[in-house]
Structures are given as structure tokens and as C-alpha cells.
Amino acid sequence: MRMADLATDSNKMICPRCGVEMNHHCDKIVYTTDPEEAGRDPSLGGFIEEIHTCPKCGVAASRHGIE
């Protein structure tokens, strides 16, 4: 997966608090030592976690990056 693909993902995250479409804030590599971890990319040594923020209520939420 290319980093540019994450920002253009059409699968928008919806705020769990108020239901508004959230803004994609950043991506973070979460390192794991478990090779069986779901979504783990061996070339990264972990998985991509997307961080989103709500423009209406300010809540932050995260999810595994879309592959």
C-alpha cells in the first residue's frame, strides 16, 4: 500500500458521537512483535493505524488502515 492511497480512501469514517464525516488527520505505524497480528505488514514490522478527527464535536477515533 502506498501512503498516498490512504489519504484518498473513499471509505470515510463517521463520527461515533455525532454522525458527521470525520477528517483524516494522520497515519501511524503501530509496531508489533506478534507475526500473526491481523493486518501486520512484514515490510513495516506492524500495521498502519489511521487517526481521524471530527470537525463538529472534536472527538478523535482510529482504525486499522484500509488495504
Protein backbone atom coordinates (compact mmCIF):
# COMPACT_ATOMS: atom_id res chain seq x y z
CA MET A 1 0.00 0.00 0.00
CA ARG A 2 1.26 3.45 -0.85
CA MET A 3 0.89 6.26 1.70
CA ALA A 4 -0.82 8.43 -0.96
CA ASP A 5 -3.57 5.81 -1.24
CA LEU A 6 -4.54 6.25 2.42
CA ALA A 7 -5.42 9.91 2.05
CA THR A 8 -7.64 9.30 -0.98
CA ASP A 9 -9.58 6.41 0.53
CA SER A 10 -13.27 6.73 -0.34
CA ASN A 11 -14.30 4.78 2.78
CA LYS A 12 -14.83 7.78 5.06
CA MET A 13 -15.02 7.31 8.80
CA ILE A 14 -18.19 8.55 10.52
CA CYS A 15 -18.01 10.13 13.97
CA PRO A 16 -19.30 7.71 16.62
CA ARG A 17 -20.54 10.63 18.74
CA CYS A 18 -22.40 12.93 16.31
CA GLY A 19 -22.53 11.10 12.95
CA VAL A 20 -20.58 13.67 10.90
CA GLU A 21 -17.97 12.59 8.33
CA MET A 22 -14.57 12.75 10.03
CA ASN A 23 -11.36 14.32 8.70
CA HIS A 24 -8.39 12.03 8.09
CA HIS A 25 -5.78 13.53 10.40
CA CYS A 26 -2.73 11.24 10.13
CA ASP A 27 -1.37 7.72 9.73
CA LYS A 28 0.87 5.99 12.26
CA ILE A 29 2.83 2.75 12.13
CA VAL A 30 1.97 0.57 15.13
CA TYR A 31 4.83 -1.85 15.67
CA THR A 32 4.01 -5.33 16.90
CA THR A 33 6.11 -8.33 17.86
CA ASP A 34 3.35 -10.83 17.06
CA PRO A 35 3.82 -12.05 13.46
CA GLU A 36 0.20 -13.31 13.45
CA GLU A 37 -1.26 -9.86 14.29
CA ALA A 38 -4.17 -9.09 11.94
CA GLY A 39 -3.22 -6.56 9.28
CA ARG A 40 0.50 -6.76 10.08
CA ASP A 41 2.71 -5.81 7.13
CA PRO A 42 6.02 -7.72 7.36
CA SER A 43 7.87 -4.96 5.47
CA LEU A 44 6.78 -2.40 8.11
CA GLY A 45 7.01 -4.63 11.18
CA GLY A 46 3.50 -3.61 12.17
CA PHE A 47 0.36 -2.08 10.71
CA ILE A 48 -0.93 1.34 9.68
CA GLU A 49 -3.36 2.99 12.10
CA GLU A 50 -5.45 5.85 10.69
CA ILE A 51 -6.31 8.71 13.05
CA HIS A 52 -9.44 10.75 12.31
CA THR A 53 -10.92 13.83 13.99
CA CYS A 54 -14.46 15.19 13.88
CA PRO A 55 -14.83 18.77 12.62
CA LYS A 56 -18.11 19.19 14.52
CA CYS A 57 -17.57 17.82 18.04
CA GLY A 58 -13.77 17.34 18.10
CA VAL A 59 -13.73 13.65 19.03
CA ALA A 60 -10.79 11.58 17.77
CA ALA A 61 -11.03 7.98 16.58
CA SER A 62 -8.75 5.46 14.92
CA ARG A 63 -8.88 2.31 12.83
CA HIS A 64 -6.54 -0.07 11.01
CA GLY A 65 -5.53 1.32 7.64
CA ILE A 66 -7.59 0.15 4.68
CA GLU A 67 -5.68 -2.23 2.42
